[in-house]
Protein backbone atom coordinates (compact mmCIF):
# COMPACT_ATOMS: atom_id res chain seq x y z
CA MET A 1 109.40 124.74 97.77
CA ASP A 2 111.19 125.12 94.44
CA THR A 3 109.54 123.15 91.70
CA GLU A 4 109.10 123.23 87.95
CA LEU A 5 105.74 124.39 86.68
CA GLU A 6 103.41 121.52 85.89
CA PRO A 7 100.60 121.55 83.33
CA LYS A 8 97.09 122.23 84.67
CA LYS A 9 95.89 118.87 83.37
CA LEU A 10 97.67 117.30 86.34
CA ALA A 11 95.68 119.43 88.79
CA LEU A 12 93.10 116.68 89.42
CA ILE A 13 95.62 114.08 90.57
CA ARG A 14 97.60 116.71 92.49
CA THR A 15 94.44 117.79 94.31
CA LEU A 16 93.93 114.20 95.44
CA GLN A 17 97.54 113.97 96.59
CA ILE A 18 97.15 117.19 98.59
CA LEU A 19 94.07 115.79 100.30
CA GLU A 20 95.95 112.58 101.09
CA LYS A 21 98.91 114.44 102.55
CA TYR A 22 97.41 117.44 104.32
CA SER A 23 93.81 116.62 105.22
CA ASP A 24 91.97 114.57 107.83
CA CYS A 25 88.83 115.05 109.91
CA ASP A 26 90.69 117.41 112.24
CA HIS A 27 92.37 119.32 109.41
CA PRO A 28 89.88 120.04 106.57
CA LEU A 29 91.19 122.13 103.68
CA LYS A 30 89.32 125.08 102.26
CA GLN A 31 89.45 125.62 98.52
CA GLU A 32 91.84 128.55 98.95
CA ASP A 33 94.15 126.22 100.94
CA ILE A 34 94.19 123.78 98.04
CA VAL A 35 94.85 126.63 95.58
CA ARG A 36 97.83 127.72 97.71
CA LEU A 37 99.23 124.18 98.04
CA LEU A 38 98.84 123.47 94.33
CA GLU A 39 100.97 126.50 93.57
CA SER A 40 103.59 126.00 96.30
CA GLU A 41 103.93 122.22 95.89
CA TYR A 42 103.54 121.80 92.13
CA GLY A 43 103.63 125.26 90.54
CA ILE A 44 100.05 124.88 89.30
CA GLU A 45 97.95 128.03 89.30
CA LEU A 46 94.23 127.29 89.56
CA GLU A 47 91.10 129.24 90.42
CA ARG A 48 88.85 128.28 93.32
CA LYS A 49 86.04 127.28 90.96
CA ALA A 50 88.36 124.84 89.18
CA VAL A 51 89.33 123.32 92.54
CA GLY A 52 85.63 122.88 93.33
CA ARG A 53 85.08 121.09 90.02
CA ASN A 54 88.06 118.80 90.74
CA LEU A 55 86.65 117.91 94.15
CA SER A 56 83.33 117.02 92.52
CA LEU A 57 85.09 114.86 89.91
CA LEU A 58 87.00 113.00 92.63
CA LYS A 59 83.77 112.31 94.49
CA GLU A 60 82.16 111.03 91.28
CA ALA A 61 85.19 108.73 90.82
CA GLY A 62 84.42 107.13 94.17
CA PHE A 63 86.81 108.89 96.55
CA ASP A 64 85.25 109.47 99.98
CA ILE A 65 85.73 113.22 100.33
CA ASN A 66 83.80 114.98 103.06
CA SER A 67 83.02 118.64 102.33
CA SER A 68 81.44 121.29 104.52
CA HIS A 69 81.73 125.02 105.19
CA GLN A 70 84.89 124.19 107.17
CA GLY A 71 86.57 122.61 104.17
CA SER A 72 87.16 119.21 102.58
CA PHE A 73 89.09 116.15 103.74
CA LEU A 74 89.69 112.59 102.63
CA ALA A 75 87.39 110.61 104.93
CA GLU A 76 88.46 107.08 104.01
CA ARG A 77 91.91 105.70 103.26
CA LEU A 78 93.40 102.33 102.49
CA PHE A 79 94.30 102.00 106.21
CA ASP A 80 93.02 104.02 109.13
CA ASP A 81 95.50 105.40 111.67
CA SER A 82 94.89 102.68 114.27
CA GLU A 83 95.64 100.02 111.64
CA LEU A 84 98.82 101.82 110.64
CA HIS A 85 99.90 102.00 114.29
CA LEU A 86 99.40 98.23 114.51
CA LEU A 87 101.44 97.61 111.36
CA ILE A 88 104.25 99.92 112.52
CA ASP A 89 104.36 98.23 115.94
CA SER A 90 104.52 94.87 114.17
CA VAL A 91 107.50 96.00 112.11
CA LEU A 92 109.25 97.30 115.23
CA ALA A 93 108.66 94.06 117.12
CA SER A 94 109.72 91.81 114.22
CA ARG A 95 113.21 90.57 115.01
CA HIS A 96 113.59 89.04 111.55
CA ILE A 97 113.50 92.48 109.85
CA SER A 98 116.79 94.38 109.91
CA THR A 99 117.06 97.91 111.29
CA ASN A 100 117.42 99.54 107.86
CA HIS A 101 114.50 97.62 106.37
CA SER A 102 112.39 98.47 109.42
CA LEU A 103 113.07 102.18 108.91
CA GLU A 104 112.21 101.93 105.21
CA LEU A 105 108.94 100.08 105.89
CA ILE A 106 107.88 102.49 108.64
CA ASN A 107 108.56 105.47 106.39
CA ARG A 108 106.44 103.92 103.64
CA LEU A 109 103.63 103.09 106.05
CA THR A 110 103.47 106.65 107.36
CA THR A 111 102.90 107.96 103.82
CA LEU A 112 99.57 106.08 103.79
CA SER A 113 98.10 108.69 106.13
CA SER A 114 98.30 112.45 106.46
CA CYS A 115 101.38 114.40 107.50
CA TYR A 116 99.78 114.82 110.93
CA PHE A 117 99.96 111.07 111.49
CA ARG A 118 103.66 111.09 110.65
CA LYS A 119 104.20 113.65 113.39
CA ARG A 120 102.35 111.51 115.93
CA VAL A 121 104.46 108.40 115.33
CA LYS A 122 107.54 110.19 116.63
CA TYR A 123 106.71 108.68 120.03
CA VAL A 124 108.03 105.35 118.70
CA ARG A 125 111.44 104.52 120.14
CA SER A 126 114.38 104.58 117.81
CA VAL A 127 114.40 101.43 115.71
CA ASP A 128 118.04 100.72 116.51
CA GLN A 129 117.08 100.21 120.16
CA TRP A 130 115.07 97.12 119.21
CA GLU A 131 116.64 93.69 118.87
CA LYS A 132 116.91 93.14 115.13
CA THR A 133 118.59 90.66 112.83
CA ASP A 134 121.79 91.68 111.06
CA ASN A 135 120.93 89.55 108.05
CA LYS A 136 119.99 91.91 105.22
CA ASN A 137 118.84 89.10 102.93
CA LEU A 138 115.39 88.52 104.42
CA PHE A 139 113.32 90.03 101.61
CA TYR A 140 115.53 88.50 98.94
CA ASN A 141 115.10 85.11 100.65
CA ILE A 142 111.32 85.58 100.60
CA GLU A 143 111.40 86.49 96.90
CA ILE A 144 113.42 83.40 95.94
CA ILE A 145 111.34 81.06 98.11
CA ASP A 146 108.07 82.43 96.70
CA GLU A 147 109.39 81.88 93.18
CA ALA A 148 110.48 78.33 94.03
CA ILE A 149 107.10 77.43 95.55
CA GLU A 150 105.29 78.93 92.54
CA GLN A 151 107.46 76.98 90.07
CA GLY A 152 107.60 73.77 92.13
CA LYS A 153 111.39 73.92 92.37
CA MET A 154 113.90 73.15 95.11
CA VAL A 155 116.09 75.78 96.76
CA GLN A 156 119.58 75.51 98.20
CA TYR A 157 121.26 77.70 100.79
CA GLU A 158 123.65 77.92 103.69
CA TYR A 159 122.11 77.72 107.16
CA ASN A 160 123.89 79.69 109.86
CA LYS A 161 124.17 79.83 113.63
CA PHE A 162 125.75 82.34 115.99
CA GLY A 163 129.27 81.69 117.20
CA GLN A 164 131.28 82.88 120.17
CA ASP A 165 131.96 86.15 118.37
CA ARG A 166 128.17 86.77 118.19
CA GLU A 167 128.31 86.62 114.40
CA LEU A 168 126.53 84.21 112.05
CA HIS A 169 128.62 81.33 110.74
CA LYS A 170 127.79 78.54 108.31
CA SER A 171 126.37 75.54 110.15
CA SER A 172 125.19 73.40 107.25
CA PHE A 173 124.29 73.31 103.57
CA ALA A 174 120.69 72.53 102.68
CA ARG A 175 118.91 71.60 99.45
CA VAL A 176 115.18 71.35 100.18
CA SER A 177 111.68 71.30 98.74
CA PRO A 178 109.96 74.49 100.03
CA TYR A 179 106.26 74.53 100.91
CA GLN A 180 105.35 77.43 103.16
CA LEU A 181 106.61 80.54 104.95
CA ILE A 182 105.32 80.68 108.52
CA LEU A 183 105.46 83.48 111.09
CA LYS A 184 105.80 82.04 114.60
CA ASN A 185 107.13 83.47 117.88
CA GLN A 186 108.08 86.71 116.08
CA ARG A 187 110.28 84.73 113.68
CA TYR A 188 109.88 83.84 110.01
CA TYR A 189 110.37 80.14 109.20
CA LEU A 190 110.68 78.22 105.96
CA MET A 191 108.84 74.91 106.11
CA ALA A 192 110.59 72.53 103.71
CA TYR A 193 111.38 68.83 103.18
CA ASN A 194 114.99 67.74 103.40
CA ALA A 195 115.31 64.48 101.44
CA TYR A 196 118.84 63.88 102.77
CA TRP A 197 117.60 63.74 106.37
CA GLY A 198 114.20 62.35 105.43
CA HIS A 199 112.07 64.79 107.41
CA MET A 200 110.51 68.25 107.39
CA VAL A 201 112.70 71.15 108.52
CA PHE A 202 111.75 74.58 109.84
CA HIS A 203 114.57 77.00 109.11
CA ARG A 204 114.55 80.63 110.17
CA LEU A 205 114.74 83.00 107.23
CA ASP A 206 117.10 85.37 109.03
CA ARG A 207 119.62 82.50 109.35
CA ILE A 208 119.59 81.70 105.63
CA THR A 209 122.29 83.07 103.30
CA LYS A 210 123.47 82.40 99.75
CA ILE A 211 120.05 81.11 98.69
CA ALA A 212 119.54 80.01 95.09
CA LEU A 213 116.77 78.51 92.98
CA CYS A 214 117.51 74.96 91.76
CA ASP A 215 116.52 73.28 88.51
CA ARG A 216 115.45 70.16 90.40
CA PRO A 217 111.69 69.71 90.91
CA ALA A 218 110.45 69.89 94.50
CA ALA A 219 108.93 66.79 96.09
CA PRO A 220 105.11 67.12 96.12
CA LEU A 221 103.90 67.83 99.65
CA ARG A 222 101.31 65.04 99.55
CA ASN A 223 104.13 62.54 98.90
CA ILE A 224 105.67 63.34 102.29
CA PRO A 225 104.61 60.93 105.08
CA GLY A 226 102.21 62.66 107.43
CA TYR A 227 101.17 65.29 104.86
CA GLU A 228 99.09 63.14 102.51
CA ASN A 229 96.12 65.45 103.13
CA GLY A 230 98.11 68.66 102.76
CA LEU A 231 98.83 71.24 105.45
CA ASP A 232 96.68 71.76 108.52
CA PHE A 233 97.86 75.17 109.70
CA ARG A 234 95.88 75.05 112.93
CA ASP A 235 97.42 71.73 113.87
CA LEU A 236 100.86 72.85 112.72
CA THR A 237 100.97 75.95 114.89
CA THR A 238 99.54 74.31 118.03
CA SER A 239 101.26 70.91 117.98
CA MET A 240 104.69 72.31 117.12
CA PRO A 241 105.15 75.41 119.31
CA TYR A 242 108.94 75.52 118.77
CA PHE A 243 109.07 73.83 115.35
CA PHE A 244 110.96 70.72 116.41
CA ASN A 245 110.92 68.33 113.48
CA ASP A 246 109.77 65.17 115.33
CA LYS A 247 106.29 63.76 114.76
CA PRO A 248 103.54 65.17 117.04
CA GLU A 249 101.76 62.75 119.35
CA LYS A 250 99.32 62.79 122.26
CA ILE A 251 100.97 63.85 125.52
CA THR A 252 99.30 64.03 128.93
CA PHE A 253 100.55 66.09 131.86
CA ARG A 254 99.24 66.99 135.30
CA ALA A 255 99.17 70.68 136.01
CA GLU A 256 98.13 73.23 138.57
CA GLU A 257 95.14 75.38 137.67
CA TRP A 258 97.21 78.40 136.68
CA VAL A 259 98.87 76.37 133.90
CA ILE A 260 95.56 75.99 132.00
CA ASP A 261 95.86 79.53 130.67
CA GLN A 262 99.33 78.80 129.29
CA ALA A 263 98.27 75.42 127.86
CA VAL A 264 95.41 76.96 125.88
CA ASP A 265 97.64 79.82 124.76
CA TRP A 266 100.31 77.44 123.40
CA PHE A 267 98.31 74.42 122.23
CA GLY A 268 94.91 75.90 121.35
CA LYS A 269 91.43 75.20 122.64
CA ASP A 270 91.20 71.65 121.26
CA ILE A 271 92.84 70.11 124.32
CA ASP A 272 91.36 67.70 126.85
CA ILE A 273 91.16 69.01 130.45
CA LYS A 274 90.02 66.82 133.35
CA GLU A 275 90.00 67.96 136.97
CA GLU A 276 91.66 65.57 139.39
CA THR A 277 90.24 64.68 142.79
CA VAL A 278 91.67 67.09 145.35
CA THR A 279 93.01 65.50 148.52
CA GLU A 280 92.61 67.20 151.88
CA ALA A 281 96.36 67.76 152.09
CA SER A 282 96.48 69.63 148.79
CA GLU A 283 96.13 73.39 148.65
CA HIS A 284 95.80 73.50 144.86
CA LYS A 285 93.52 72.14 142.16
CA PHE A 286 95.19 69.79 139.69
CA PHE A 287 94.15 68.94 136.15
CA ASP A 288 95.16 66.22 133.71
CA ILE A 289 95.62 67.89 130.33
CA THR A 290 96.11 66.04 127.05
CA VAL A 291 97.54 67.85 124.05
CA ARG A 292 98.95 66.88 120.67
CA SER A 293 102.53 68.05 120.50
CA SER A 294 106.02 67.42 119.26
CA PRO A 295 107.74 65.39 122.05
CA GLY A 296 110.89 67.48 121.75
CA ALA A 297 108.91 70.70 122.01
CA MET A 298 106.97 69.33 124.99
CA VAL A 299 110.19 68.64 126.90
CA TYR A 300 111.22 72.23 126.32
CA TRP A 301 107.75 73.55 127.21
CA ALA A 302 107.42 71.42 130.37
CA LEU A 303 110.77 72.67 131.66
CA GLN A 304 109.52 76.25 131.42
CA PHE A 305 106.62 75.38 133.72
CA ALA A 306 108.38 72.77 135.82
CA ASP A 307 106.97 74.22 139.06
CA GLY A 308 103.42 73.48 137.89
CA VAL A 309 103.64 70.67 135.31
CA GLU A 310 104.34 66.92 135.57
CA ILE A 311 104.47 64.83 132.39
CA LEU A 312 102.40 61.64 132.81
CA SER A 313 102.70 60.00 129.39
CA PRO A 314 104.24 58.87 127.17
CA SER A 315 106.98 57.47 129.42
CA ALA A 316 109.77 58.45 127.01
CA VAL A 317 108.86 62.15 127.30
CA ARG A 318 108.50 61.87 131.08
CA GLU A 319 111.94 60.23 131.39
CA ARG A 320 113.53 62.85 129.13
CA VAL A 321 112.20 65.69 131.30
CA LYS A 322 113.34 63.82 134.42
CA GLU A 323 116.82 63.32 132.91
CA VAL A 324 117.21 66.99 132.03
CA LEU A 325 116.03 68.10 135.47
CA GLU A 326 118.44 65.69 137.21
CA LYS A 327 121.34 67.04 135.14
CA ALA A 328 120.30 70.58 135.95
CA ILE A 329 120.08 69.84 139.67
CA ALA A 330 123.52 68.19 139.55
CA SER A 331 124.98 71.22 137.78
CA TYR A 332 123.51 73.67 140.27
CA SER A 333 124.47 71.48 143.23
CA SER A 334 128.15 71.17 142.28
CA ASN A 335 130.68 73.70 143.54
CA LYS A 336 132.09 74.20 140.07
CA SER A 337 130.00 74.49 136.94
CA LYS A 338 130.52 71.65 134.45
CA GLY A 339 128.71 73.28 131.55
CA GLY A 340 125.14 73.84 130.41
CA VAL A 341 122.33 71.34 130.03
CA ARG A 342 121.44 70.26 126.50
CA ILE A 343 117.84 69.39 125.63
């Protein structure tokens, strides 16, 4: 490696960097190894005794360096390898992060461990094989929204939806009071109040373009009906599984036993479950389950589990599910399709 000669006063920091890059519990470095790497990587010529003194100084400074007759290695890092694997997998699975940004983040994450870790993560499939957003503005959107929340300002932007050409197109213009960024269902959402429509909106960050900070002050969250006591994140994530913007309410449905697992997974553990009396003709156990949910989201959720769920109350939600199912049956029963069913 060709490099300009560096002054020996940098040897201490370079020794630490060598330990970070080339050492772990399976690859300890002897002092002569560090001498060789200092010269080849940075053009610093140092004696073994000086390397030993530097290792002692680093230990005194609080760095967890394990030394034995086999050599020395950095025993503790900011993240261990299992944590880095988890973070890398999260980046890969995040649809709201573009392919290029995913590659950049993964490359940065791998530098937080030794070079041997970087070799092991080659098993990860190519990032471009994962479903990723094409919107490159995600991190800029986050930066602007964070600034707006910090300053108590509104933001404005264009909200987009996919068209027939599978490209994003402007759907609406929004000027909102931002309150929180929320990660849900592998998507990033902006929770904000739209005064024009008079309700809270949950807009996906990867659908936002042309965002700008406004001079107008944002509406205080506690002035919004239903949020007088601030945000209850537990309630927010369980009662609004798909982020419909209607007001959550108590909904009761009858379900087969296998649905309980899904109900707890989607709506949390604070749900009411009562076993129903089993008739002799029934082969299954049934339960009446009461949850607090957005009615619109419950219609969507109940349709996913239509073979095991029957909405009991309120009647408006029950009738909406019934209406959608009747339309679906009519569509599938006709000889010629008349179009999709809208929820």
